[in-house]
PDB file of N, CA and C in Angstrom:
ATOM      1  N   UNK A   1      18.234 -25.587  -9.205  1.00  0.00           N
ATOM      2  CA  UNK A   1      18.459 -24.672  -7.801  1.00  0.00           C
ATOM      3  C   UNK A   1      18.564 -25.983  -6.988  1.00  0.00           C
ATOM      4  N   UNK A   2      18.530 -25.872  -6.233  1.00  0.00           N
ATOM      5  CA  UNK A   2      18.695 -27.255  -4.757  1.00  0.00           C
ATOM      6  C   UNK A   2      17.843 -26.306  -3.607  1.00  0.00           C
ATOM      7  N   UNK A   3      16.955 -27.399  -2.835  1.00  0.00           N
ATOM      8  CA  UNK A   3      16.263 -27.220  -1.945  1.00  0.00           C
ATOM      9  C   UNK A   3      16.848 -26.118  -0.975  1.00  0.00           C
ATOM     10  N   UNK A   4      17.782 -26.077  -0.832  1.00  0.00           N
ATOM     11  CA  UNK A   4      18.715 -24.777   0.445  1.00  0.00           C
ATOM     12  C   UNK A   4      18.879 -24.101  -0.078  1.00  0.00           C
ATOM     13  N   UNK A   5      19.063 -23.582  -1.683  1.00  0.00           N
ATOM     14  CA  UNK A   5      19.129 -22.180  -2.128  1.00  0.00           C
ATOM     15  C   UNK A   5      17.865 -21.440  -2.495  1.00  0.00           C
ATOM     16  N   UNK A   6      16.727 -22.246  -2.838  1.00  0.00           N
ATOM     17  CA  UNK A   6      15.683 -22.082  -2.697  1.00  0.00           C
ATOM     18  C   UNK A   6      15.186 -21.500  -1.358  1.00  0.00           C
ATOM     19  N   UNK A   7      15.612 -21.622  -0.381  1.00  0.00           N
ATOM     20  CA  UNK A   7      15.113 -21.463   0.702  1.00  0.00           C
ATOM     21  C   UNK A   7      15.551 -20.368   1.587  1.00  0.00           C
ATOM     22  N   UNK A   8      17.033 -20.258   1.304  1.00  0.00           N
ATOM     23  CA  UNK A   8      18.152 -19.231   1.034  1.00  0.00           C
ATOM     24  C   UNK A   8      17.200 -18.308   0.915  1.00  0.00           C
ATOM     25  N   UNK A   9      17.010 -18.183  -0.500  1.00  0.00           N
ATOM     26  CA  UNK A   9      16.246 -16.730  -1.315  1.00  0.00           C
ATOM     27  C   UNK A   9      15.127 -16.391  -0.424  1.00  0.00           C
ATOM     28  N   UNK A  10      13.860 -17.341  -0.141  1.00  0.00           N
ATOM     29  CA  UNK A  10      12.878 -17.161   0.359  1.00  0.00           C
ATOM     30  C   UNK A  10      13.685 -16.241   1.555  1.00  0.00           C
ATOM     31  N   UNK A  11      13.812 -17.125   2.590  1.00  0.00           N
ATOM     32  CA  UNK A  11      14.491 -16.310   3.585  1.00  0.00           C
ATOM     33  C   UNK A  11      15.172 -14.266   3.679  1.00  0.00           C
ATOM     34  N   UNK A  12      16.411 -14.465   2.647  1.00  0.00           N
ATOM     35  CA  UNK A  12      16.506 -13.418   2.389  1.00  0.00           C
ATOM     36  C   UNK A  12      16.131 -12.289   1.662  1.00  0.00           C
ATOM     37  N   UNK A  13      15.090 -13.125   0.622  1.00  0.00           N
ATOM     38  CA  UNK A  13      13.704 -12.444   0.432  1.00  0.00           C
ATOM     39  C   UNK A  13      12.229 -11.169   1.357  1.00  0.00           C
ATOM     40  N   UNK A  14      12.673 -12.646   2.413  1.00  0.00           N
ATOM     41  CA  UNK A  14      11.521 -11.744   3.889  1.00  0.00           C
ATOM     42  C   UNK A  14      11.975 -10.687   4.240  1.00  0.00           C
ATOM     43  N   UNK A  15      13.726 -10.597   4.182  1.00  0.00           N
ATOM     44  CA  UNK A  15      14.451 -10.144   5.334  1.00  0.00           C
ATOM     45  C   UNK A  15      14.674  -8.193   4.906  1.00  0.00           C
ATOM     46  N   UNK A  16      15.008  -8.951   3.130  1.00  0.00           N
ATOM     47  CA  UNK A  16      14.884  -7.136   2.436  1.00  0.00           C
ATOM     48  C   UNK A  16      13.365  -6.740   2.215  1.00  0.00           C
ATOM     49  N   UNK A  17      12.577  -7.265   1.992  1.00  0.00           N
ATOM     50  CA  UNK A  17      11.130  -6.988   2.146  1.00  0.00           C
ATOM     51  C   UNK A  17      10.673  -6.307   3.408  1.00  0.00           C
ATOM     52  N   UNK A  18      10.786  -6.989   4.209  1.00  0.00           N
ATOM     53  CA  UNK A  18      10.682  -6.310   5.522  1.00  0.00           C
ATOM     54  C   UNK A  18      11.137  -5.186   5.615  1.00  0.00           C
ATOM     55  N   UNK A  19      12.549  -5.144   5.411  1.00  0.00           N
ATOM     56  CA  UNK A  19      12.985  -3.980   5.506  1.00  0.00           C
ATOM     57  C   UNK A  19      12.900  -2.445   4.807  1.00  0.00           C
ATOM     58  N   UNK A  20      12.656  -2.742   3.651  1.00  0.00           N
ATOM     59  CA  UNK A  20      11.559  -1.976   2.493  1.00  0.00           C
ATOM     60  C   UNK A  20      10.654  -1.507   3.425  1.00  0.00           C
ATOM     61  N   UNK A  21       9.753  -2.823   3.562  1.00  0.00           N
ATOM     62  CA  UNK A  21       8.125  -2.027   4.449  1.00  0.00           C
ATOM     63  C   UNK A  21       8.618  -1.121   5.305  1.00  0.00           C
ATOM     64  N   UNK A  22       9.139  -2.002   6.140  1.00  0.00           N
ATOM     65  CA  UNK A  22       9.819  -0.875   7.034  1.00  0.00           C
ATOM     66  C   UNK A  22      10.608   0.227   6.884  1.00  0.00           C
ATOM     67  N   UNK A  23      11.198   0.786   5.846  1.00  0.00           N
ATOM     68  CA  UNK A  23      11.306   2.020   5.625  1.00  0.00           C
ATOM     69  C   UNK A  23      10.263   3.139   4.606  1.00  0.00           C
ATOM     70  N   UNK A  24       9.189   2.248   4.177  1.00  0.00           N
ATOM     71  CA  UNK A  24       8.193   3.006   3.480  1.00  0.00           C
ATOM     72  C   UNK A  24       7.094   3.574   4.393  1.00  0.00           C
ATOM     73  N   UNK A  25       7.310   2.493   5.911  1.00  0.00           N
ATOM     74  CA  UNK A  25       5.878   3.090   6.816  1.00  0.00           C
ATOM     75  C   UNK A  25       5.220   2.132   6.698  1.00  0.00           C
ATOM     76  N   UNK A  26       5.439   1.145   5.816  1.00  0.00           N
ATOM     77  CA  UNK A  26       3.815  -0.010   6.142  1.00  0.00           C
ATOM     78  C   UNK A  26       4.290  -1.168   7.439  1.00  0.00           C
ATOM     79  N   UNK A  27       2.974  -1.118   7.303  1.00  0.00           N
ATOM     80  CA  UNK A  27       2.410  -2.613   8.545  1.00  0.00           C
ATOM     81  C   UNK A  27       3.114  -4.014   7.882  1.00  0.00           C
ATOM     82  N   UNK A  28       3.562  -4.554   9.291  1.00  0.00           N
ATOM     83  CA  UNK A  28       3.870  -5.732   9.083  1.00  0.00           C
ATOM     84  C   UNK A  28       2.735  -6.580   8.470  1.00  0.00           C
ATOM     85  N   UNK A  29       2.787  -7.198   7.674  1.00  0.00           N
ATOM     86  CA  UNK A  29       1.214  -7.935   6.808  1.00  0.00           C
ATOM     87  C   UNK A  29       2.029  -9.347   6.547  1.00  0.00           C
ATOM     88  N   UNK A  30       2.705  -9.620   7.240  1.00  0.00           N
ATOM     89  CA  UNK A  30       3.269 -11.275   7.381  1.00  0.00           C
ATOM     90  C   UNK A  30       4.524 -11.606   6.183  1.00  0.00           C
ATOM     91  N   UNK A  31       4.814 -12.856   6.503  1.00  0.00           N
ATOM     92  CA  UNK A  31       6.197 -13.615   5.795  1.00  0.00           C
ATOM     93  C   UNK A  31       5.920 -13.281   4.226  1.00  0.00           C
ATOM     94  N   UNK A  32       4.248 -14.091   4.301  1.00  0.00           N
ATOM     95  CA  UNK A  32       4.875 -14.553   2.361  1.00  0.00           C
ATOM     96  C   UNK A  32       4.502 -12.890   1.562  1.00  0.00           C
ATOM     97  N   UNK A  33       3.913 -11.819   2.760  1.00  0.00           N
ATOM     98  CA  UNK A  33       3.838 -10.685   1.798  1.00  0.00           C
ATOM     99  C   UNK A  33       5.209  -9.847   1.821  1.00  0.00           C
ATOM    100  N   UNK A  34       5.797  -9.775   2.606  1.00  0.00           N
ATOM    101  CA  UNK A  34       7.476  -9.372   2.256  1.00  0.00           C
ATOM    102  C   UNK A  34       8.298  -9.774   1.871  1.00  0.00           C
ATOM    103  N   UNK A  35       8.267 -11.696   1.565  1.00  0.00           N
ATOM    104  CA  UNK A  35       8.604 -12.035   0.504  1.00  0.00           C
ATOM    105  C   UNK A  35       8.140 -11.850  -0.754  1.00  0.00           C
ATOM    106  N   UNK A  36       7.728 -11.486  -1.428  1.00  0.00           N
ATOM    107  CA  UNK A  36       6.521 -11.147  -2.653  1.00  0.00           C
ATOM    108  C   UNK A  36       7.317  -9.501  -2.510  1.00  0.00           C
ATOM    109  N   UNK A  37       7.304  -8.569  -1.354  1.00  0.00           N
ATOM    110  CA  UNK A  37       7.470  -6.887  -2.007  1.00  0.00           C
ATOM    111  C   UNK A  37       8.986  -7.341  -1.680  1.00  0.00           C
ATOM    112  N   UNK A  38      10.139  -8.531  -1.569  1.00  0.00           N
ATOM    113  CA  UNK A  38      11.846  -8.462  -1.541  1.00  0.00           C
ATOM    114  C   UNK A  38      12.031  -8.685  -2.905  1.00  0.00           C
ATOM    115  N   UNK A  39      10.978  -9.853  -3.483  1.00  0.00           N
ATOM    116  CA  UNK A  39      10.792 -10.178  -5.020  1.00  0.00           C
ATOM    117  C   UNK A  39      11.179  -9.290  -6.053  1.00  0.00           C
ATOM    118  N   UNK A  40       9.684  -8.354  -5.473  1.00  0.00           N
ATOM    119  CA  UNK A  40       9.705  -7.147  -6.264  1.00  0.00           C
ATOM    120  C   UNK A  40      10.697  -6.036  -6.341  1.00  0.00           C
ATOM    121  N   UNK A  41      11.153  -5.885  -5.314  1.00  0.00           N
ATOM    122  CA  UNK A  41      12.079  -5.103  -4.639  1.00  0.00           C
ATOM    123  C   UNK A  41      13.417  -5.522  -5.196  1.00  0.00           C
ATOM    124  N   UNK A  42      14.062  -6.581  -5.513  1.00  0.00           N
ATOM    125  CA  UNK A  42      15.634  -6.773  -6.334  1.00  0.00           C
ATOM    126  C   UNK A  42      15.302  -6.725  -8.327  1.00  0.00           C
ATOM    127  N   UNK A  43      13.864  -6.683  -8.024  1.00  0.00           N
ATOM    128  CA  UNK A  43      13.753  -6.713 -10.137  1.00  0.00           C
ATOM    129  C   UNK A  43      13.976  -5.154  -9.832  1.00  0.00           C
ATOM    130  N   UNK A  44      13.390  -4.519  -9.358  1.00  0.00           N
ATOM    131  CA  UNK A  44      12.663  -2.608  -9.605  1.00  0.00           C
ATOM    132  C   UNK A  44      14.497  -1.995  -9.240  1.00  0.00           C
ATOM    133  N   UNK A  45      14.634  -2.540  -7.687  1.00  0.00           N
ATOM    134  CA  UNK A  45      16.228  -2.316  -7.378  1.00  0.00           C
ATOM    135  C   UNK A  45      17.438  -2.727  -9.017  1.00  0.00           C
ATOM    136  N   UNK A  46      17.568  -3.743  -9.250  1.00  0.00           N
ATOM    137  CA  UNK A  46      18.102  -4.230 -10.200  1.00  0.00           C
ATOM    138  C   UNK A  46      17.739  -3.602 -11.583  1.00  0.00           C
ATOM    139  N   UNK A  47      16.627  -3.220 -11.797  1.00  0.00           N
ATOM    140  CA  UNK A  47      16.304  -2.234 -12.938  1.00  0.00           C
ATOM    141  C   UNK A  47      16.977  -0.707 -12.711  1.00  0.00           C
ATOM    142  N   UNK A  48      16.692  -0.284 -11.358  1.00  0.00           N
ATOM    143  CA  UNK A  48      17.238   1.143 -11.175  1.00  0.00           C
ATOM    144  C   UNK A  48      18.130   1.115 -11.719  1.00  0.00           C
ATOM    145  N   UNK A  49      19.277  -0.101 -10.397  1.00  0.00           N
ATOM    146  CA  UNK A  49      20.906  -0.009 -11.014  1.00  0.00           C
ATOM    147  C   UNK A  49      21.394   0.046 -12.406  1.00  0.00           C
ATOM    148  N   UNK A  50      20.701  -0.331 -12.868  1.00  0.00           N
ATOM    149  CA  UNK A  50      21.047  -0.389 -14.480  1.00  0.00           C
ATOM    150  C   UNK A  50      20.768   0.447 -15.588  1.00  0.00           C
ATOM    151  N   UNK A  51      19.984   1.271 -14.597  1.00  0.00           N
ATOM    152  CA  UNK A  51      19.760   2.459 -15.103  1.00  0.00           C
ATOM    153  C   UNK A  51      20.235   3.999 -14.848  1.00  0.00           C
ATOM    154  N   UNK A  52      20.500   3.861 -13.927  1.00  0.00           N
ATOM    155  CA  UNK A  52      21.491   4.547 -12.851  1.00  0.00           C
ATOM    156  C   UNK A  52      23.419   4.902 -13.413  1.00  0.00           C
ATOM    157  N   UNK A  53      23.319   3.641 -13.348  1.00  0.00           N
ATOM    158  CA  UNK A  53      24.155   3.310 -13.421  1.00  0.00           C
ATOM    159  C   UNK A  53      25.519   2.672 -11.969  1.00  0.00           C
ATOM    160  N   UNK A  54      24.339   3.128 -10.770  1.00  0.00           N
ATOM    161  CA  UNK A  54      25.234   3.374  -9.829  1.00  0.00           C
ATOM    162  C   UNK A  54      24.802   1.405  -9.255  1.00  0.00           C
ATOM    163  N   UNK A  55      25.968   1.273  -9.119  1.00  0.00           N
ATOM    164  CA  UNK A  55      25.954  -0.661  -9.007  1.00  0.00           C
ATOM    165  C   UNK A  55      26.294  -0.763  -7.136  1.00  0.00           C
ATOM    166  N   UNK A  56      25.038  -1.891  -6.606  1.00  0.00           N
ATOM    167  CA  UNK A  56      25.621  -2.234  -5.756  1.00  0.00           C
ATOM    168  C   UNK A  56      26.948  -2.498  -5.056  1.00  0.00           C
ATOM    169  N   UNK A  57      27.391  -2.739  -3.397  1.00  0.00           N
ATOM    170  CA  UNK A  57      28.443  -2.919  -3.408  1.00  0.00           C
ATOM    171  C   UNK A  57      28.609  -4.278  -2.488  1.00  0.00           C
ATOM    172  N   UNK A  58      27.100  -4.514  -1.885  1.00  0.00           N
ATOM    173  CA  UNK A  58      27.091  -5.700  -1.195  1.00  0.00           C
ATOM    174  C   UNK A  58      25.955  -6.566  -2.167  1.00  0.00           C
ATOM    175  N   UNK A  59      26.106  -7.341  -2.178  1.00  0.00           N
ATOM    176  CA  UNK A  59      25.829  -8.682  -2.380  1.00  0.00           C
ATOM    177  C   UNK A  59      25.772  -9.873  -1.778  1.00  0.00           C
ATOM    178  N   UNK A  60      24.567 -10.484  -1.340  1.00  0.00           N
ATOM    179  CA  UNK A  60      23.746 -11.970  -1.498  1.00  0.00           C
ATOM    180  C   UNK A  60      23.710 -12.825  -2.341  1.00  0.00           C
ATOM    181  N   UNK A  61      24.594 -13.285  -2.628  1.00  0.00           N
ATOM    182  CA  UNK A  61      24.019 -15.081  -3.498  1.00  0.00           C
ATOM    183  C   UNK A  61      23.714 -14.320  -4.755  1.00  0.00           C
ATOM    184  N   UNK A  62      24.355 -13.462  -5.411  1.00  0.00           N
ATOM    185  CA  UNK A  62      24.123 -12.342  -7.094  1.00  0.00           C
ATOM    186  C   UNK A  62      22.590 -11.545  -6.554  1.00  0.00           C
ATOM    187  N   UNK A  63      22.093 -11.133  -4.921  1.00  0.00           N
ATOM    188  CA  UNK A  63      21.504 -10.600  -4.911  1.00  0.00           C
ATOM    189  C   UNK A  63      21.854  -9.160  -4.273  1.00  0.00           C
ATOM    190  N   UNK A  64      21.337  -8.009  -5.019  1.00  0.00           N
ATOM    191  CA  UNK A  64      22.090  -6.639  -4.390  1.00  0.00           C
ATOM    192  C   UNK A  64      21.156  -6.490  -3.414  1.00  0.00           C
ATOM    193  N   UNK A  65      21.900  -5.726  -2.376  1.00  0.00           N
ATOM    194  CA  UNK A  65      21.349  -5.867  -1.108  1.00  0.00           C
ATOM    195  C   UNK A  65      20.451  -4.467  -1.130  1.00  0.00           C
ATOM    196  N   UNK A  66      21.738  -3.291  -0.637  1.00  0.00           N
ATOM    197  CA  UNK A  66      20.659  -2.174  -0.991  1.00  0.00           C
ATOM    198  C   UNK A  66      20.148  -1.903  -2.136  1.00  0.00           C
ATOM    199  N   UNK A  67      20.343  -1.664  -2.992  1.00  0.00           N
ATOM    200  CA  UNK A  67      19.444  -1.820  -4.637  1.00  0.00           C
ATOM    201  C   UNK A  67      17.793  -2.460  -3.918  1.00  0.00           C
ATOM    202  N   UNK A  68      17.724  -3.562  -3.502  1.00  0.00           N
ATOM    203  CA  UNK A  68      16.953  -3.997  -3.344  1.00  0.00           C
ATOM    204  C   UNK A  68      16.006  -3.861  -2.011  1.00  0.00           C
ATOM    205  N   UNK A  69      16.763  -3.583  -1.149  1.00  0.00           N
ATOM    206  CA  UNK A  69      15.761  -2.624  -0.153  1.00  0.00           C
ATOM    207  C   UNK A  69      15.236  -1.169  -0.481  1.00  0.00           C
ATOM    208  N   UNK A  70      15.970  -0.452  -1.480  1.00  0.00           N
ATOM    209  CA  UNK A  70      15.702   0.879  -2.310  1.00  0.00           C
ATOM    210  C   UNK A  70      14.352   0.242  -3.052  1.00  0.00           C
ATOM    211  N   UNK A  71      14.275  -0.899  -3.338  1.00  0.00           N
ATOM    212  CA  UNK A  71      13.500  -0.752  -4.139  1.00  0.00           C
ATOM    213  C   UNK A  71      11.924  -1.367  -3.934  1.00  0.00           C
ATOM    214  N   UNK A  72      12.393  -2.220  -3.003  1.00  0.00           N
ATOM    215  CA  UNK A  72      11.243  -2.315  -2.284  1.00  0.00           C
ATOM    216  C   UNK A  72      10.593  -1.346  -1.512  1.00  0.00           C
ATOM    217  N   UNK A  73      10.953  -0.635  -0.991  1.00  0.00           N
ATOM    218  CA  UNK A  73      10.574   0.019   0.042  1.00  0.00           C
ATOM    219  C   UNK A  73       9.789   1.229  -1.725  1.00  0.00           C
ATOM    220  N   UNK A  74      10.613   1.538  -2.541  1.00  0.00           N
ATOM    221  CA  UNK A  74       9.676   2.121  -3.697  1.00  0.00           C
ATOM    222  C   UNK A  74       8.514   1.283  -3.892  1.00  0.00           C
ATOM    223  N   UNK A  75       7.860   0.367  -3.933  1.00  0.00           N
ATOM    224  CA  UNK A  75       7.158  -0.518  -4.405  1.00  0.00           C
ATOM    225  C   UNK A  75       5.902  -0.036  -3.473  1.00  0.00           C
ATOM    226  N   UNK A  76       6.745  -0.536  -2.408  1.00  0.00           N
ATOM    227  CA  UNK A  76       5.583  -0.447  -0.953  1.00  0.00           C
ATOM    228  C   UNK A  76       5.130   1.307  -1.170  1.00  0.00           C
ATOM    229  N   UNK A  77       5.385   2.357  -1.692  1.00  0.00           N
ATOM    230  CA  UNK A  77       5.526   3.456  -1.646  1.00  0.00           C
ATOM    231  C   UNK A  77       4.367   3.793  -2.526  1.00  0.00           C
ATOM    232  N   UNK A  78       4.849   3.247  -3.924  1.00  0.00           N
ATOM    233  CA  UNK A  78       4.029   2.880  -5.152  1.00  0.00           C
ATOM    234  C   UNK A  78       2.130   2.485  -4.810  1.00  0.00           C
ATOM    235  N   UNK A  79       2.535   1.114  -4.160  1.00  0.00           N
ATOM    236  CA  UNK A  79       1.092   0.692  -4.256  1.00  0.00           C
ATOM    237  C   UNK A  79       0.474   0.879  -2.911  1.00  0.00           C
ATOM    238  N   UNK A  80       0.754   1.529  -1.396  1.00  0.00           N
ATOM    239  CA  UNK A  80       0.269   2.873  -0.651  1.00  0.00           C
ATOM    240  C   UNK A  80      -0.097   3.872  -1.510  1.00  0.00           C
ATOM    241  N   UNK A  81       0.514   4.270  -2.504  1.00  0.00           N
ATOM    242  CA  UNK A  81       0.132   5.866  -2.755  1.00  0.00           C
ATOM    243  C   UNK A  81      -1.462   5.814  -3.815  1.00  0.00           C
ATOM    244  N   UNK A  82      -1.025   3.962  -5.117  1.00  0.00           N
ATOM    245  CA  UNK A  82      -2.554   4.087  -5.936  1.00  0.00           C
ATOM    246  C   UNK A  82      -3.520   3.041  -4.777  1.00  0.00           C
ATOM    247  N   UNK A  83      -3.328   2.661  -3.592  1.00  0.00           N
ATOM    248  CA  UNK A  83      -4.665   2.493  -2.632  1.00  0.00           C
ATOM    249  C   UNK A  83      -4.870   3.274  -1.932  1.00  0.00           C
ATOM    250  N   UNK A  84      -4.101   4.225  -1.801  1.00  0.00           N
ATOM    251  CA  UNK A  84      -4.622   5.259  -1.092  1.00  0.00           C
ATOM    252  C   UNK A  84      -4.613   4.972   0.615  1.00  0.00           C
ATOM    253  N   UNK A  85      -3.843   6.068   1.220  1.00  0.00           N
ATOM    254  CA  UNK A  85      -3.686   5.668   2.870  1.00  0.00           C
ATOM    255  C   UNK A  85      -4.576   5.273   3.436  1.00  0.00           C
ATOM    256  N   UNK A  86      -5.413   4.446   4.035  1.00  0.00           N
ATOM    257  CA  UNK A  86      -5.887   4.082   4.867  1.00  0.00           C
ATOM    258  C   UNK A  86      -5.588   3.934   6.583  1.00  0.00           C
ATOM    259  N   UNK A  87      -4.240   4.139   6.693  1.00  0.00           N
ATOM    260  CA  UNK A  87      -3.940   4.349   8.314  1.00  0.00           C
ATOM    261  C   UNK A  87      -4.897   5.319   8.661  1.00  0.00           C
ATOM    262  N   UNK A  88      -5.420   5.554   9.972  1.00  0.00           N
ATOM    263  CA  UNK A  88      -5.808   6.455  10.681  1.00  0.00           C
ATOM    264  C   UNK A  88      -4.803   7.283  11.690  1.00  0.00           C
ATOM    265  N   UNK A  89      -5.099   8.304  11.599  1.00  0.00           N
ATOM    266  CA  UNK A  89      -3.763   9.141  12.049  1.00  0.00           C
ATOM    267  C   UNK A  89      -3.924   9.316  13.732  1.00  0.00           C
ATOM    268  N   UNK A  90      -3.161   9.309  15.008  1.00  0.00           N
ATOM    269  CA  UNK A  90      -3.410   9.118  16.390  1.00  0.00           C
ATOM    270  C   UNK A  90      -3.156  10.828  16.794  1.00  0.00           C
TER     271      UNK A  90
END
């Protein structure tokens, strides 16, 4: 993997992670957190895709975009559920 490919993968993971976090209603925690959420979302999304048999139609460098966003939102939702929702209601 070249340095350029790694940089593109990190940027795509950050974007997909931030989209998933926004869908789950999470606060913005920063770029590194979004990258981790993006990677986790891609793994969860690919696993869900294989289990359901529904394949993604939108790929970017072998990353299933739609399933990655869904996986990131699910990941954030589970983390928030386990941690307890500490956001104050206004």
